[in-house]
Amino acid sequence: MSDRTNLQIGLRRSGEMAAVFMIGDGLLGLLQPKRHVELWRSDVPAVDLLVRPFADHPRRRRAYGLLQLAAGIALASALRKPE
């Protein structure tokens, strides 16, 4: 395989991993919002900053979960091999 082909495969695999993460995280946030947010609360300010808006707001986390699911599926769909 050429370097260009290897690069393209690497980029597609990275995109696929991002899509899988988005879908999985979205699904957990949708189904178990309180547990999921509590798990990610942290003493590290940068990490806690990401989940703080969802603390005590399970509907907000569920809505974000739906957005993550949609974005992950859209990304995975965009990565299909051109025919």
C-alpha atoms as a PDB file:
ATOM      1  CA  MET A   1       0.000   0.000   0.000  1.00  0.00           C
ATOM      2  CA  SER A   2       1.133   3.523  -0.665  1.00  0.00           C
ATOM      3  CA  ASP A   3       1.774   6.100   2.041  1.00  0.00           C
ATOM      4  CA  ARG A   4      -1.306   8.007   0.855  1.00  0.00           C
ATOM      5  CA  THR A   5      -3.491   4.906   1.188  1.00  0.00           C
ATOM      6  CA  ASN A   6      -2.096   4.202   4.663  1.00  0.00           C
ATOM      7  CA  LEU A   7      -2.802   7.800   5.674  1.00  0.00           C
ATOM      8  CA  GLN A   8      -6.365   7.577   4.345  1.00  0.00           C
ATOM      9  CA  ILE A   9      -6.971   4.323   6.230  1.00  0.00           C
ATOM     10  CA  GLY A  10      -5.520   5.838   9.403  1.00  0.00           C
ATOM     11  CA  LEU A  11      -7.763   8.884   9.120  1.00  0.00           C
ATOM     12  CA  ARG A  12     -10.841   6.722   8.492  1.00  0.00           C
ATOM     13  CA  ARG A  13      -9.998   4.519  11.475  1.00  0.00           C
ATOM     14  CA  SER A  14      -9.543   7.577  13.689  1.00  0.00           C
ATOM     15  CA  GLY A  15     -12.876   8.925  12.521  1.00  0.00           C
ATOM     16  CA  GLU A  16     -14.499   5.562  13.197  1.00  0.00           C
ATOM     17  CA  MET A  17     -13.076   5.507  16.738  1.00  0.00           C
ATOM     18  CA  ALA A  18     -14.438   9.010  17.340  1.00  0.00           C
ATOM     19  CA  ALA A  19     -17.858   7.929  16.050  1.00  0.00           C
ATOM     20  CA  VAL A  20     -17.870   4.854  18.307  1.00  0.00           C
ATOM     21  CA  PHE A  21     -16.955   7.006  21.312  1.00  0.00           C
ATOM     22  CA  MET A  22     -19.663   9.555  20.506  1.00  0.00           C
ATOM     23  CA  ILE A  23     -22.311   6.874  20.052  1.00  0.00           C
ATOM     24  CA  GLY A  24     -21.355   5.002  23.222  1.00  0.00           C
ATOM     25  CA  ASP A  25     -21.035   8.097  25.394  1.00  0.00           C
ATOM     26  CA  GLY A  26     -24.282   9.461  24.001  1.00  0.00           C
ATOM     27  CA  LEU A  27     -26.120   6.226  24.709  1.00  0.00           C
ATOM     28  CA  LEU A  28     -24.854   6.056  28.293  1.00  0.00           C
ATOM     29  CA  GLY A  29     -25.750   9.700  28.843  1.00  0.00           C
ATOM     30  CA  LEU A  30     -29.201   9.068  27.435  1.00  0.00           C
ATOM     31  CA  LEU A  31     -29.952   5.940  29.452  1.00  0.00           C
ATOM     32  CA  GLN A  32     -28.108   6.680  32.724  1.00  0.00           C
ATOM     33  CA  PRO A  33     -27.522  10.434  32.883  1.00  0.00           C
ATOM     34  CA  LYS A  34     -27.034  10.813  36.649  1.00  0.00           C
ATOM     35  CA  ARG A  35     -24.664   7.861  36.980  1.00  0.00           C
ATOM     36  CA  HIS A  36     -22.689   8.868  33.921  1.00  0.00           C
ATOM     37  CA  VAL A  37     -22.208  12.472  35.057  1.00  0.00           C
ATOM     38  CA  GLU A  38     -21.289  11.431  38.610  1.00  0.00           C
ATOM     39  CA  LEU A  39     -18.637   9.085  37.225  1.00  0.00           C
ATOM     40  CA  TRP A  40     -16.965  11.899  35.313  1.00  0.00           C
ATOM     41  CA  ARG A  41     -17.065  14.551  38.066  1.00  0.00           C
ATOM     42  CA  SER A  42     -13.450  15.330  38.946  1.00  0.00           C
ATOM     43  CA  ASP A  43     -11.119  17.402  41.101  1.00  0.00           C
ATOM     44  CA  VAL A  44      -9.312  18.279  37.875  1.00  0.00           C
ATOM     45  CA  PRO A  45     -10.928  21.588  36.838  1.00  0.00           C
ATOM     46  CA  ALA A  46     -10.615  21.017  33.082  1.00  0.00           C
ATOM     47  CA  VAL A  47     -12.349  17.637  33.320  1.00  0.00           C
ATOM     48  CA  ASP A  48     -15.046  18.830  35.705  1.00  0.00           C
ATOM     49  CA  LEU A  49     -15.731  21.836  33.470  1.00  0.00           C
ATOM     50  CA  LEU A  50     -16.958  19.451  30.764  1.00  0.00           C
ATOM     51  CA  VAL A  51     -19.548  17.683  32.947  1.00  0.00           C
ATOM     52  CA  ARG A  52     -20.521  20.423  35.397  1.00  0.00           C
ATOM     53  CA  PRO A  53     -23.300  21.811  33.123  1.00  0.00           C
ATOM     54  CA  PHE A  54     -25.028  18.414  33.342  1.00  0.00           C
ATOM     55  CA  ALA A  55     -24.845  17.942  37.127  1.00  0.00           C
ATOM     56  CA  ASP A  56     -28.387  17.817  38.529  1.00  0.00           C
ATOM     57  CA  HIS A  57     -29.768  18.252  34.997  1.00  0.00           C
ATOM     58  CA  PRO A  58     -30.520  14.751  33.667  1.00  0.00           C
ATOM     59  CA  ARG A  59     -32.792  16.028  30.892  1.00  0.00           C
ATOM     60  CA  ARG A  60     -30.011  18.292  29.659  1.00  0.00           C
ATOM     61  CA  ARG A  61     -27.620  15.306  29.642  1.00  0.00           C
ATOM     62  CA  ARG A  62     -30.175  13.174  27.796  1.00  0.00           C
ATOM     63  CA  ALA A  63     -30.602  15.881  25.164  1.00  0.00           C
ATOM     64  CA  TYR A  64     -26.831  16.070  24.751  1.00  0.00           C
ATOM     65  CA  GLY A  65     -26.762  12.269  24.514  1.00  0.00           C
ATOM     66  CA  LEU A  66     -29.195  12.386  21.602  1.00  0.00           C
ATOM     67  CA  LEU A  67     -27.009  14.992  19.927  1.00  0.00           C
ATOM     68  CA  GLN A  68     -23.928  12.800  20.421  1.00  0.00           C
ATOM     69  CA  LEU A  69     -25.741   9.785  18.977  1.00  0.00           C
ATOM     70  CA  ALA A  70     -26.851  11.724  15.914  1.00  0.00           C
ATOM     71  CA  ALA A  71     -23.388  13.210  15.374  1.00  0.00           C
ATOM     72  CA  GLY A  72     -21.670   9.837  15.826  1.00  0.00           C
ATOM     73  CA  ILE A  73     -23.985   8.126  13.360  1.00  0.00           C
ATOM     74  CA  ALA A  74     -23.560  10.983  10.878  1.00  0.00           C
ATOM     75  CA  LEU A  75     -19.772  10.762  11.179  1.00  0.00           C
ATOM     76  CA  ALA A  76     -19.778   6.989  10.715  1.00  0.00           C
ATOM     77  CA  SER A  77     -22.059   7.352   7.691  1.00  0.00           C
ATOM     78  CA  ALA A  78     -19.752   9.933   6.161  1.00  0.00           C
ATOM     79  CA  LEU A  79     -16.836   7.523   6.492  1.00  0.00           C
ATOM     80  CA  ARG A  80     -18.372   4.921   4.189  1.00  0.00           C
ATOM     81  CA  LYS A  81     -16.063   3.914   1.397  1.00  0.00           C
ATOM     82  CA  PRO A  82     -16.990   5.733  -1.820  1.00  0.00           C
ATOM     83  CA  GLU A  83     -18.462   3.425  -4.434  1.00  0.00           C
END
